[in-house]
Amino acid sequence: MEKKKAFVVILTVMMTAVPSGQIYAEGSNQVRSGKFSSTVSAQYNRTDNHRPRMGFEQYGGYLKLGYDFNEHWNAYVDANITHFNASYPGTEDKPMYDADQWITRGVVSAALENHYDNTSGALSVYSNFGRHKIDDGTAAPTAPTQRYFRSKDALTGVSLYQSIQLFEGNRVTAGVDYMHIYGNAYYTSKATGDILDTPNKQSGRSYRNEIAGYVDFRQDLLDWLTIDLGARVDHHSITGTEFVPQGGIVVRPIEAGEIKAMASKGFRNPTMREMYLYPPSNTDLEPERLWNYELSWKHRLSSFTYGANLFYIKGDNMILT
């Protein structure tokens, strides 16, 4: 018998208009033909809002293309970009003029995935980026600002992981992550467009790199006992290397009931804004660190489930303003 290829097209168009200058419109299209699939959508909305100089306008689009090579391998690429224009009128007793902003943000990614009975994984690349143009505005319309604040940023990364079941009740996952972080903030003249100066403590563009490797091990030792161990080593080009362990144990003393105990470390590297952009930025900031200890009980009674959690979190080097 000859197999027929499936071909499906879904088209959706929606528009809403209400008083006071508000409108919302969206259109989308989905196609699946054999091993190929696609999704395309676009959105637009705007409003004048209820006060002068408080308008908002946004438009964007989304695209995803996918392809199934066979039952084990597939790939996709997608992109999502949004732009909006917004104005801030200040308070009624202290109005603002020309306080406008033009913001574009987007993310693009591509991935290659594999799925087998005992193993699965993926290789993905992505970039999250933004462009910002802001007029700080003035309290009186007779003294407009002479410059725009401008900034650009991007976080580009690669992620690779593979998860495998070595034997019954076992699961091991290992992976590598890499991120390149870029940022640039500056002012431009409204009259000429020339760059005036930069608010960065480091002049010009700033780049950061971060690479990490991790492994997670889960094993059912008995019907009533499971352990979970993991570790991650993260190296940041400014703050250095961080070791992040975690461990947990699950005990099932009765049917449909389990006790879970775990301890895990977390951390957060300071952002470029916190280190370089505007007071009270601090170039000597170190990563935030914390330890989380948790004990929980979960029990299912027919269609009813209840649980209780006890946890303790201890933080170190928390970044405060």
C-alpha atoms as a PDB file:
ATOM      1  CA  MET A   1       0.000   0.000   0.000  1.00  0.00           C
ATOM      2  CA  GLU A   2       1.414   3.419  -0.939  1.00  0.00           C
ATOM      3  CA  LYS A   3       1.867   5.812   1.963  1.00  0.00           C
ATOM      4  CA  LYS A   4       0.358   9.248   1.475  1.00  0.00           C
ATOM      5  CA  LYS A   5       2.143  12.334   2.713  1.00  0.00           C
ATOM      6  CA  ALA A   6       0.204  14.464   5.151  1.00  0.00           C
ATOM      7  CA  PHE A   7      -0.319  18.077   4.121  1.00  0.00           C
ATOM      8  CA  VAL A   8      -1.969  20.354   6.662  1.00  0.00           C
ATOM      9  CA  VAL A   9      -2.385  24.125   6.501  1.00  0.00           C
ATOM     10  CA  ILE A  10      -3.842  26.181   9.363  1.00  0.00           C
ATOM     11  CA  LEU A  11      -4.438  29.902   8.850  1.00  0.00           C
ATOM     12  CA  THR A  12      -5.656  32.175  11.624  1.00  0.00           C
ATOM     13  CA  VAL A  13      -6.403  35.900  11.385  1.00  0.00           C
ATOM     14  CA  MET A  14      -7.669  37.925  14.323  1.00  0.00           C
ATOM     15  CA  MET A  15      -8.281  41.661  14.717  1.00  0.00           C
ATOM     16  CA  THR A  16      -9.786  43.620  17.579  1.00  0.00           C
ATOM     17  CA  ALA A  17     -10.489  47.333  17.586  1.00  0.00           C
ATOM     18  CA  VAL A  18     -11.896  49.226  20.565  1.00  0.00           C
ATOM     19  CA  PRO A  19     -12.472  52.914  21.340  1.00  0.00           C
ATOM     20  CA  SER A  20      -9.691  55.303  22.444  1.00  0.00           C
ATOM     21  CA  GLY A  21      -7.377  54.414  19.598  1.00  0.00           C
ATOM     22  CA  GLN A  22      -6.681  50.820  20.572  1.00  0.00           C
ATOM     23  CA  ILE A  23      -6.149  48.007  18.079  1.00  0.00           C
ATOM     24  CA  TYR A  24      -4.847  44.453  18.218  1.00  0.00           C
ATOM     25  CA  ALA A  25      -4.230  42.300  15.145  1.00  0.00           C
ATOM     26  CA  GLU A  26      -2.603  38.898  14.723  1.00  0.00           C
ATOM     27  CA  GLY A  27      -2.184  36.473  11.839  1.00  0.00           C
ATOM     28  CA  SER A  28      -0.644  33.008  11.861  1.00  0.00           C
ATOM     29  CA  ASN A  29      -0.058  30.168   9.444  1.00  0.00           C
ATOM     30  CA  GLN A  30       0.960  26.567  10.145  1.00  0.00           C
ATOM     31  CA  VAL A  31       1.974  24.021   7.510  1.00  0.00           C
ATOM     32  CA  ARG A  32       2.913  20.354   7.795  1.00  0.00           C
ATOM     33  CA  SER A  33       3.820  18.436   4.665  1.00  0.00           C
ATOM     34  CA  GLY A  34       5.549  15.099   5.057  1.00  0.00           C
ATOM     35  CA  LYS A  35       8.744  15.655   7.036  1.00  0.00           C
ATOM     36  CA  PHE A  36       8.561  19.457   6.814  1.00  0.00           C
ATOM     37  CA  SER A  37       6.692  21.798   9.150  1.00  0.00           C
ATOM     38  CA  SER A  38       6.506  25.569   9.506  1.00  0.00           C
ATOM     39  CA  THR A  39       4.884  28.195  11.676  1.00  0.00           C
ATOM     40  CA  VAL A  40       4.667  31.870  10.725  1.00  0.00           C
ATOM     41  CA  SER A  41       2.909  34.574  12.722  1.00  0.00           C
ATOM     42  CA  ALA A  42       2.778  38.358  12.942  1.00  0.00           C
ATOM     43  CA  GLN A  43       1.290  40.675  15.546  1.00  0.00           C
ATOM     44  CA  TYR A  44       0.482  44.370  15.762  1.00  0.00           C
ATOM     45  CA  ASN A  45      -1.084  46.360  18.581  1.00  0.00           C
ATOM     46  CA  ARG A  46      -1.283  49.978  19.589  1.00  0.00           C
ATOM     47  CA  THR A  47      -3.064  52.263  22.024  1.00  0.00           C
ATOM     48  CA  ASP A  48      -3.221  55.989  22.720  1.00  0.00           C
ATOM     49  CA  ASN A  49      -3.971  55.192  26.380  1.00  0.00           C
ATOM     50  CA  HIS A  50      -5.943  57.531  28.598  1.00  0.00           C
ATOM     51  CA  ARG A  51      -3.458  60.460  28.853  1.00  0.00           C
ATOM     52  CA  PRO A  52      -1.567  62.610  26.348  1.00  0.00           C
ATOM     53  CA  ARG A  53       1.996  61.518  25.516  1.00  0.00           C
ATOM     54  CA  MET A  54       1.262  57.955  26.671  1.00  0.00           C
ATOM     55  CA  GLY A  55       0.995  56.144  23.343  1.00  0.00           C
ATOM     56  CA  PHE A  56       2.255  52.611  22.821  1.00  0.00           C
ATOM     57  CA  GLU A  57       2.830  50.676  19.587  1.00  0.00           C
ATOM     58  CA  GLN A  58       4.227  47.175  19.136  1.00  0.00           C
ATOM     59  CA  TYR A  59       4.732  44.853  16.205  1.00  0.00           C
ATOM     60  CA  GLY A  60       6.612  41.615  15.753  1.00  0.00           C
ATOM     61  CA  GLY A  61       6.834  38.276  14.041  1.00  0.00           C
ATOM     62  CA  TYR A  62       7.712  34.646  14.647  1.00  0.00           C
ATOM     63  CA  LEU A  63       9.035  32.018  12.243  1.00  0.00           C
ATOM     64  CA  LYS A  64       9.837  28.353  12.842  1.00  0.00           C
ATOM     65  CA  LEU A  65      10.934  25.801  10.235  1.00  0.00           C
ATOM     66  CA  GLY A  66      11.320  22.137  11.148  1.00  0.00           C
ATOM     67  CA  TYR A  67      12.384  18.982   9.358  1.00  0.00           C
ATOM     68  CA  ASP A  68      12.279  15.323  10.476  1.00  0.00           C
ATOM     69  CA  PHE A  69      15.151  13.442   8.829  1.00  0.00           C
ATOM     70  CA  ASN A  70      13.891  10.128  10.188  1.00  0.00           C
ATOM     71  CA  GLU A  71      12.273   8.732  13.319  1.00  0.00           C
ATOM     72  CA  HIS A  72      15.430   9.460  15.363  1.00  0.00           C
ATOM     73  CA  TRP A  73      16.744  12.805  14.063  1.00  0.00           C
ATOM     74  CA  ASN A  74      15.077  16.176  13.529  1.00  0.00           C
ATOM     75  CA  ALA A  75      16.145  19.819  13.215  1.00  0.00           C
ATOM     76  CA  TYR A  76      14.551  23.242  13.417  1.00  0.00           C
ATOM     77  CA  VAL A  77      15.355  26.935  13.166  1.00  0.00           C
ATOM     78  CA  ASP A  78      13.251  29.722  14.627  1.00  0.00           C
ATOM     79  CA  ALA A  79      13.271  33.491  15.049  1.00  0.00           C
ATOM     80  CA  ASN A  80      11.179  35.833  17.174  1.00  0.00           C
ATOM     81  CA  ILE A  81      11.590  39.614  16.813  1.00  0.00           C
ATOM     82  CA  THR A  82       9.565  42.396  18.467  1.00  0.00           C
ATOM     83  CA  HIS A  83       9.788  46.181  18.216  1.00  0.00           C
ATOM     84  CA  PHE A  84       7.853  48.682  20.309  1.00  0.00           C
ATOM     85  CA  ASN A  85       7.589  52.458  20.676  1.00  0.00           C
ATOM     86  CA  ALA A  86       6.474  53.838  24.025  1.00  0.00           C
ATOM     87  CA  SER A  87       6.095  57.230  25.705  1.00  0.00           C
ATOM     88  CA  TYR A  88       6.112  58.160  29.374  1.00  0.00           C
ATOM     89  CA  PRO A  89       3.996  61.202  30.366  1.00  0.00           C
ATOM     90  CA  GLY A  90       5.233  61.541  33.953  1.00  0.00           C
ATOM     91  CA  THR A  91       2.821  62.153  36.798  1.00  0.00           C
ATOM     92  CA  GLU A  92      -0.153  64.498  36.450  1.00  0.00           C
ATOM     93  CA  ASP A  93       1.394  67.095  38.767  1.00  0.00           C
ATOM     94  CA  LYS A  94       4.878  66.712  37.216  1.00  0.00           C
ATOM     95  CA  PRO A  95       4.345  65.975  33.512  1.00  0.00           C
ATOM     96  CA  MET A  96       7.177  64.796  31.261  1.00  0.00           C
ATOM     97  CA  TYR A  97       7.725  65.735  27.623  1.00  0.00           C
ATOM     98  CA  ASP A  98       9.564  63.806  24.912  1.00  0.00           C
ATOM     99  CA  ALA A  99      10.170  60.848  27.238  1.00  0.00           C
ATOM    100  CA  ASP A 100      10.128  58.315  24.404  1.00  0.00           C
ATOM    101  CA  GLN A 101      11.768  54.974  23.771  1.00  0.00           C
ATOM    102  CA  TRP A 102      12.250  52.757  20.730  1.00  0.00           C
ATOM    103  CA  ILE A 103      13.137  49.165  21.600  1.00  0.00           C
ATOM    104  CA  THR A 104      13.869  46.154  19.382  1.00  0.00           C
ATOM    105  CA  ARG A 105      14.497  42.725  20.860  1.00  0.00           C
ATOM    106  CA  GLY A 106      14.799  39.315  19.277  1.00  0.00           C
ATOM    107  CA  VAL A 107      16.027  35.777  19.575  1.00  0.00           C
ATOM    108  CA  VAL A 108      17.105  33.343  16.862  1.00  0.00           C
ATOM    109  CA  SER A 109      18.055  29.701  17.359  1.00  0.00           C
ATOM    110  CA  ALA A 110      18.717  26.443  15.571  1.00  0.00           C
ATOM    111  CA  ALA A 111      18.827  22.905  16.937  1.00  0.00           C
ATOM    112  CA  LEU A 112      19.597  19.345  15.893  1.00  0.00           C
ATOM    113  CA  GLU A 113      17.925  16.716  18.101  1.00  0.00           C
ATOM    114  CA  ASN A 114      18.152  12.941  18.417  1.00  0.00           C
ATOM    115  CA  HIS A 115      15.743  10.518  20.101  1.00  0.00           C
ATOM    116  CA  TYR A 116      16.462   6.803  20.667  1.00  0.00           C
ATOM    117  CA  ASP A 117      15.122   4.232  23.120  1.00  0.00           C
ATOM    118  CA  ASN A 118      18.034   4.578  25.556  1.00  0.00           C
ATOM    119  CA  THR A 119      19.525   7.937  24.650  1.00  0.00           C
ATOM    120  CA  SER A 120      18.509  11.413  23.519  1.00  0.00           C
ATOM    121  CA  GLY A 121      20.207  14.758  23.155  1.00  0.00           C
ATOM    122  CA  ALA A 122      20.567  17.962  21.175  1.00  0.00           C
ATOM    123  CA  LEU A 123      22.989  20.498  19.762  1.00  0.00           C
ATOM    124  CA  SER A 124      21.638  24.051  19.713  1.00  0.00           C
ATOM    125  CA  VAL A 125      22.914  27.528  18.897  1.00  0.00           C
ATOM    126  CA  TYR A 126      21.094  30.739  19.807  1.00  0.00           C
ATOM    127  CA  SER A 127      21.404  34.496  20.032  1.00  0.00           C
ATOM    128  CA  ASN A 128      19.324  36.854  22.167  1.00  0.00           C
ATOM    129  CA  PHE A 129      19.859  40.473  21.144  1.00  0.00           C
ATOM    130  CA  GLY A 130      18.483  43.965  21.652  1.00  0.00           C
ATOM    131  CA  ARG A 131      18.734  47.532  20.375  1.00  0.00           C
ATOM    132  CA  HIS A 132      17.552  50.462  22.507  1.00  0.00           C
ATOM    133  CA  LYS A 133      17.076  54.172  21.803  1.00  0.00           C
ATOM    134  CA  ILE A 134      15.769  56.283  24.686  1.00  0.00           C
ATOM    135  CA  ASP A 135      15.009  59.966  25.193  1.00  0.00           C
ATOM    136  CA  ASP A 136      15.039  60.717  28.926  1.00  0.00           C
ATOM    137  CA  GLY A 137      12.610  63.599  28.398  1.00  0.00           C
ATOM    138  CA  THR A 138      12.252  66.844  30.307  1.00  0.00           C
ATOM    139  CA  ALA A 139       9.886  68.315  32.868  1.00  0.00           C
ATOM    140  CA  ALA A 140       9.136  71.291  30.638  1.00  0.00           C
ATOM    141  CA  PRO A 141       8.532  71.355  26.868  1.00  0.00           C
ATOM    142  CA  THR A 142      10.760  74.414  26.406  1.00  0.00           C
ATOM    143  CA  ALA A 143      14.033  72.629  27.259  1.00  0.00           C
ATOM    144  CA  PRO A 144      14.291  69.410  25.221  1.00  0.00           C
ATOM    145  CA  THR A 145      17.189  67.066  25.772  1.00  0.00           C
ATOM    146  CA  GLN A 146      20.112  67.212  23.352  1.00  0.00           C
ATOM    147  CA  ARG A 147      20.970  63.524  23.237  1.00  0.00           C
ATOM    148  CA  TYR A 148      19.629  59.986  23.024  1.00  0.00           C
ATOM    149  CA  PHE A 149      20.749  57.102  25.187  1.00  0.00           C
ATOM    150  CA  ARG A 150      21.638  54.155  22.950  1.00  0.00           C
ATOM    151  CA  SER A 151      22.600  50.590  23.809  1.00  0.00           C
ATOM    152  CA  LYS A 152      23.148  47.262  22.092  1.00  0.00           C
ATOM    153  CA  ASP A 153      23.478  43.847  23.659  1.00  0.00           C
ATOM    154  CA  ALA A 154      23.653  40.232  22.580  1.00  0.00           C
ATOM    155  CA  LEU A 155      24.017  36.874  24.267  1.00  0.00           C
ATOM    156  CA  THR A 156      25.137  34.195  21.806  1.00  0.00           C
ATOM    157  CA  GLY A 157      25.545  30.613  22.912  1.00  0.00           C
ATOM    158  CA  VAL A 158      26.044  26.973  22.011  1.00  0.00           C
ATOM    159  CA  SER A 159      24.625  24.081  24.028  1.00  0.00           C
ATOM    160  CA  LEU A 160      25.364  20.376  23.616  1.00  0.00           C
ATOM    161  CA  TYR A 161      23.998  17.573  25.801  1.00  0.00           C
ATOM    162  CA  GLN A 162      23.303  13.870  25.654  1.00  0.00           C
ATOM    163  CA  SER A 163      21.296  11.737  28.069  1.00  0.00           C
ATOM    164  CA  ILE A 164      21.694   7.963  28.172  1.00  0.00           C
ATOM    165  CA  GLN A 165      20.224   5.048  30.119  1.00  0.00           C
ATOM    166  CA  LEU A 166      23.107   2.676  30.804  1.00  0.00           C
ATOM    167  CA  PHE A 167      20.972   0.035  32.505  1.00  0.00           C
ATOM    168  CA  GLU A 168      17.621  -0.417  34.238  1.00  0.00           C
ATOM    169  CA  GLY A 169      16.691   2.472  36.526  1.00  0.00           C
ATOM    170  CA  ASN A 170      19.646   4.593  35.444  1.00  0.00           C
ATOM    171  CA  ARG A 171      19.969   7.908  33.647  1.00  0.00           C
ATOM    172  CA  VAL A 172      23.187   9.875  32.990  1.00  0.00           C
ATOM    173  CA  THR A 173      23.193  13.306  31.352  1.00  0.00           C
ATOM    174  CA  ALA A 174      26.320  15.201  30.321  1.00  0.00           C
ATOM    175  CA  GLY A 175      26.656  18.475  28.489  1.00  0.00           C
ATOM    176  CA  VAL A 176      28.625  21.598  27.639  1.00  0.00           C
ATOM    177  CA  ASP A 177      27.412  25.217  27.453  1.00  0.00           C
ATOM    178  CA  TYR A 178      29.199  28.224  25.967  1.00  0.00           C
ATOM    179  CA  MET A 179      28.034  31.864  26.024  1.00  0.00           C
ATOM    180  CA  HIS A 180      29.487  35.033  24.509  1.00  0.00           C
ATOM    181  CA  ILE A 181      28.038  38.143  26.150  1.00  0.00           C
ATOM    182  CA  TYR A 182      28.281  41.534  24.425  1.00  0.00           C
ATOM    183  CA  GLY A 183      27.173  44.994  25.507  1.00  0.00           C
ATOM    184  CA  ASN A 184      27.684  48.580  24.390  1.00  0.00           C
ATOM    185  CA  ALA A 185      26.078  51.734  25.841  1.00  0.00           C
ATOM    186  CA  TYR A 186      26.598  55.287  24.615  1.00  0.00           C
ATOM    187  CA  TYR A 187      24.930  58.649  23.883  1.00  0.00           C
ATOM    188  CA  THR A 188      24.330  60.235  20.490  1.00  0.00           C
ATOM    189  CA  SER A 189      23.596  63.830  19.558  1.00  0.00           C
ATOM    190  CA  LYS A 190      20.036  64.530  18.424  1.00  0.00           C
ATOM    191  CA  ALA A 191      21.294  67.161  16.006  1.00  0.00           C
ATOM    192  CA  THR A 192      24.151  65.319  14.292  1.00  0.00           C
ATOM    193  CA  GLY A 193      23.899  61.668  15.350  1.00  0.00           C
ATOM    194  CA  ASP A 194      27.518  61.731  16.548  1.00  0.00           C
ATOM    195  CA  ILE A 195      28.536  59.681  19.576  1.00  0.00           C
ATOM    196  CA  LEU A 196      28.967  62.057  22.520  1.00  0.00           C
ATOM    197  CA  ASP A 197      30.226  59.879  25.351  1.00  0.00           C
ATOM    198  CA  THR A 198      29.605  56.597  27.110  1.00  0.00           C
ATOM    199  CA  PRO A 199      28.265  55.846  30.615  1.00  0.00           C
ATOM    200  CA  ASN A 200      30.419  52.711  30.821  1.00  0.00           C
ATOM    201  CA  LYS A 201      33.258  52.525  33.319  1.00  0.00           C
ATOM    202  CA  GLN A 202      35.020  50.674  30.537  1.00  0.00           C
ATOM    203  CA  SER A 203      34.959  52.760  27.375  1.00  0.00           C
ATOM    204  CA  GLY A 204      33.610  51.242  24.182  1.00  0.00           C
ATOM    205  CA  ARG A 205      32.275  47.712  23.855  1.00  0.00           C
ATOM    206  CA  SER A 206      32.400  45.054  26.542  1.00  0.00           C
ATOM    207  CA  TYR A 207      32.723  41.323  25.918  1.00  0.00           C
ATOM    208  CA  ARG A 208      32.426  38.405  28.322  1.00  0.00           C
ATOM    209  CA  ASN A 209      32.732  34.660  27.771  1.00  0.00           C
ATOM    210  CA  GLU A 210      31.396  31.810  29.871  1.00  0.00           C
ATOM    211  CA  ILE A 211      31.886  28.074  29.392  1.00  0.00           C
ATOM    212  CA  ALA A 212      30.594  25.232  31.543  1.00  0.00           C
ATOM    213  CA  GLY A 213      30.485  21.452  31.648  1.00  0.00           C
ATOM    214  CA  TYR A 214      28.078  19.378  33.707  1.00  0.00           C
ATOM    215  CA  VAL A 215      27.035  15.817  34.471  1.00  0.00           C
ATOM    216  CA  ASP A 216      23.978  14.467  36.255  1.00  0.00           C
ATOM    217  CA  PHE A 217      23.570  10.895  37.510  1.00  0.00           C
ATOM    218  CA  ARG A 218      20.262   9.356  38.594  1.00  0.00           C
ATOM    219  CA  GLN A 219      19.886   5.785  39.792  1.00  0.00           C
ATOM    220  CA  ASP A 220      17.036   3.690  41.219  1.00  0.00           C
ATOM    221  CA  LEU A 221      18.862   1.499  43.743  1.00  0.00           C
ATOM    222  CA  LEU A 222      15.724  -0.248  45.012  1.00  0.00           C
ATOM    223  CA  ASP A 223      12.012   0.008  44.394  1.00  0.00           C
ATOM    224  CA  TRP A 224      11.818   2.443  47.290  1.00  0.00           C
ATOM    225  CA  LEU A 225      15.166   4.262  46.959  1.00  0.00           C
ATOM    226  CA  THR A 226      16.560   6.669  44.306  1.00  0.00           C
ATOM    227  CA  ILE A 227      19.658   8.851  44.375  1.00  0.00           C
ATOM    228  CA  ASP A 228      20.504  11.851  42.221  1.00  0.00           C
ATOM    229  CA  LEU A 229      23.978  13.402  42.006  1.00  0.00           C
ATOM    230  CA  GLY A 230      25.214  16.204  39.792  1.00  0.00           C
ATOM    231  CA  ALA A 231      28.053  18.655  39.310  1.00  0.00           C
ATOM    232  CA  ARG A 232      28.723  21.656  37.092  1.00  0.00           C
ATOM    233  CA  VAL A 233      31.979  23.534  36.542  1.00  0.00           C
ATOM    234  CA  ASP A 234      31.473  27.058  35.194  1.00  0.00           C
ATOM    235  CA  HIS A 235      34.268  29.396  34.065  1.00  0.00           C
ATOM    236  CA  HIS A 236      33.607  33.104  33.508  1.00  0.00           C
ATOM    237  CA  SER A 237      36.219  35.293  31.818  1.00  0.00           C
ATOM    238  CA  ILE A 238      35.956  37.931  34.595  1.00  0.00           C
ATOM    239  CA  THR A 239      34.807  36.247  37.804  1.00  0.00           C
ATOM    240  CA  GLY A 240      36.680  32.965  37.336  1.00  0.00           C
ATOM    241  CA  THR A 241      35.688  29.349  37.951  1.00  0.00           C
ATOM    242  CA  GLU A 242      32.732  28.155  40.014  1.00  0.00           C
ATOM    243  CA  PHE A 243      32.057  24.562  41.131  1.00  0.00           C
ATOM    244  CA  VAL A 244      28.350  23.798  41.551  1.00  0.00           C
ATOM    245  CA  PRO A 245      27.436  20.435  43.137  1.00  0.00           C
ATOM    246  CA  GLN A 246      24.040  19.009  43.996  1.00  0.00           C
ATOM    247  CA  GLY A 247      22.722  15.805  45.498  1.00  0.00           C
ATOM    248  CA  GLY A 248      19.434  14.282  46.487  1.00  0.00           C
ATOM    249  CA  ILE A 249      17.780  11.111  47.762  1.00  0.00           C
ATOM    250  CA  VAL A 250      14.196   9.897  47.385  1.00  0.00           C
ATOM    251  CA  VAL A 251      12.696   7.341  49.772  1.00  0.00           C
ATOM    252  CA  ARG A 252       9.269   5.793  49.155  1.00  0.00           C
ATOM    253  CA  PRO A 253       8.235   4.260  52.508  1.00  0.00           C
ATOM    254  CA  ILE A 254       4.648   3.604  51.397  1.00  0.00           C
ATOM    255  CA  GLU A 255       2.852   3.240  48.106  1.00  0.00           C
ATOM    256  CA  ALA A 256       2.206   6.618  46.391  1.00  0.00           C
ATOM    257  CA  GLY A 257       4.199   8.438  49.068  1.00  0.00           C
ATOM    258  CA  GLU A 258       7.769   9.724  48.959  1.00  0.00           C
ATOM    259  CA  ILE A 259      10.263  11.638  51.066  1.00  0.00           C
ATOM    260  CA  LYS A 260      12.834  13.729  49.203  1.00  0.00           C
ATOM    261  CA  ALA A 261      15.938  15.342  50.653  1.00  0.00           C
ATOM    262  CA  MET A 262      18.328  17.460  48.621  1.00  0.00           C
ATOM    263  CA  ALA A 263      21.179  19.936  48.884  1.00  0.00           C
ATOM    264  CA  SER A 264      22.250  22.115  45.967  1.00  0.00           C
ATOM    265  CA  LYS A 265      24.447  25.108  45.281  1.00  0.00           C
ATOM    266  CA  GLY A 266      23.470  28.027  43.081  1.00  0.00           C
ATOM    267  CA  PHE A 267      25.247  31.125  41.855  1.00  0.00           C
ATOM    268  CA  ARG A 268      24.765  34.182  39.648  1.00  0.00           C
ATOM    269  CA  ASN A 269      27.489  36.171  37.932  1.00  0.00           C
ATOM    270  CA  PRO A 270      27.109  39.973  38.109  1.00  0.00           C
ATOM    271  CA  THR A 271      25.721  41.565  34.970  1.00  0.00           C
ATOM    272  CA  MET A 272      27.585  44.141  32.910  1.00  0.00           C
ATOM    273  CA  ARG A 273      25.104  46.785  34.055  1.00  0.00           C
ATOM    274  CA  GLU A 274      25.895  46.036  37.704  1.00  0.00           C
ATOM    275  CA  MET A 275      29.627  46.128  37.034  1.00  0.00           C
ATOM    276  CA  TYR A 276      30.026  49.026  34.605  1.00  0.00           C
ATOM    277  CA  LEU A 277      26.873  51.037  33.864  1.00  0.00           C
ATOM    278  CA  TYR A 278      25.940  54.058  36.022  1.00  0.00           C
ATOM    279  CA  PRO A 279      26.390  54.526  39.775  1.00  0.00           C
ATOM    280  CA  PRO A 280      26.480  52.533  41.976  1.00  0.00           C
ATOM    281  CA  SER A 281      28.117  50.072  39.564  1.00  0.00           C
ATOM    282  CA  ASN A 282      31.107  48.195  40.949  1.00  0.00           C
ATOM    283  CA  THR A 283      33.842  46.509  38.909  1.00  0.00           C
ATOM    284  CA  ASP A 284      34.896  44.424  41.936  1.00  0.00           C
ATOM    285  CA  LEU A 285      31.619  42.491  42.227  1.00  0.00           C
ATOM    286  CA  GLU A 286      31.889  38.727  42.660  1.00  0.00           C
ATOM    287  CA  PRO A 287      29.257  36.078  41.914  1.00  0.00           C
ATOM    288  CA  GLU A 288      26.319  35.656  44.255  1.00  0.00           C
ATOM    289  CA  ARG A 289      26.306  32.223  45.870  1.00  0.00           C
ATOM    290  CA  LEU A 290      23.756  30.282  47.856  1.00  0.00           C
ATOM    291  CA  TRP A 291      23.146  26.830  49.272  1.00  0.00           C
ATOM    292  CA  ASN A 292      19.656  25.357  49.311  1.00  0.00           C
ATOM    293  CA  TYR A 293      18.670  22.515  51.659  1.00  0.00           C
ATOM    294  CA  GLU A 294      15.225  20.980  51.238  1.00  0.00           C
ATOM    295  CA  LEU A 295      13.166  18.207  52.807  1.00  0.00           C
ATOM    296  CA  SER A 296       9.754  17.347  51.348  1.00  0.00           C
ATOM    297  CA  TRP A 297       6.924  14.850  51.684  1.00  0.00           C
ATOM    298  CA  LYS A 298       4.455  14.067  48.880  1.00  0.00           C
ATOM    299  CA  HIS A 299       1.530  11.644  49.019  1.00  0.00           C
ATOM    300  CA  ARG A 300      -1.219  10.736  46.567  1.00  0.00           C
ATOM    301  CA  LEU A 301      -4.579   9.526  47.877  1.00  0.00           C
ATOM    302  CA  SER A 302      -6.704   8.398  44.942  1.00  0.00           C
ATOM    303  CA  SER A 303      -7.412  11.646  43.061  1.00  0.00           C
ATOM    304  CA  PHE A 304      -6.106  13.851  45.896  1.00  0.00           C
ATOM    305  CA  THR A 305      -2.439  14.775  46.317  1.00  0.00           C
ATOM    306  CA  TYR A 306      -0.876  16.770  49.128  1.00  0.00           C
ATOM    307  CA  GLY A 307       2.661  17.700  50.105  1.00  0.00           C
ATOM    308  CA  ALA A 308       4.794  19.641  52.554  1.00  0.00           C
ATOM    309  CA  ASN A 309       8.215  21.237  52.133  1.00  0.00           C
ATOM    310  CA  LEU A 310      10.843  22.476  54.542  1.00  0.00           C
ATOM    311  CA  PHE A 311      13.792  24.378  53.143  1.00  0.00           C
ATOM    312  CA  TYR A 312      16.693  26.515  54.273  1.00  0.00           C
ATOM    313  CA  ILE A 313      18.619  28.866  51.996  1.00  0.00           C
ATOM    314  CA  LYS A 314      21.912  30.484  52.910  1.00  0.00           C
ATOM    315  CA  GLY A 315      23.216  33.202  50.606  1.00  0.00           C
ATOM    316  CA  ASP A 316      26.667  34.738  50.358  1.00  0.00           C
ATOM    317  CA  ASN A 317      27.957  37.880  48.634  1.00  0.00           C
ATOM    318  CA  MET A 318      24.464  39.038  47.646  1.00  0.00           C
ATOM    319  CA  ILE A 319      24.586  42.021  45.272  1.00  0.00           C
ATOM    320  CA  LEU A 320      22.692  44.947  46.779  1.00  0.00           C
ATOM    321  CA  THR A 321      22.207  48.566  45.787  1.00  0.00           C
END
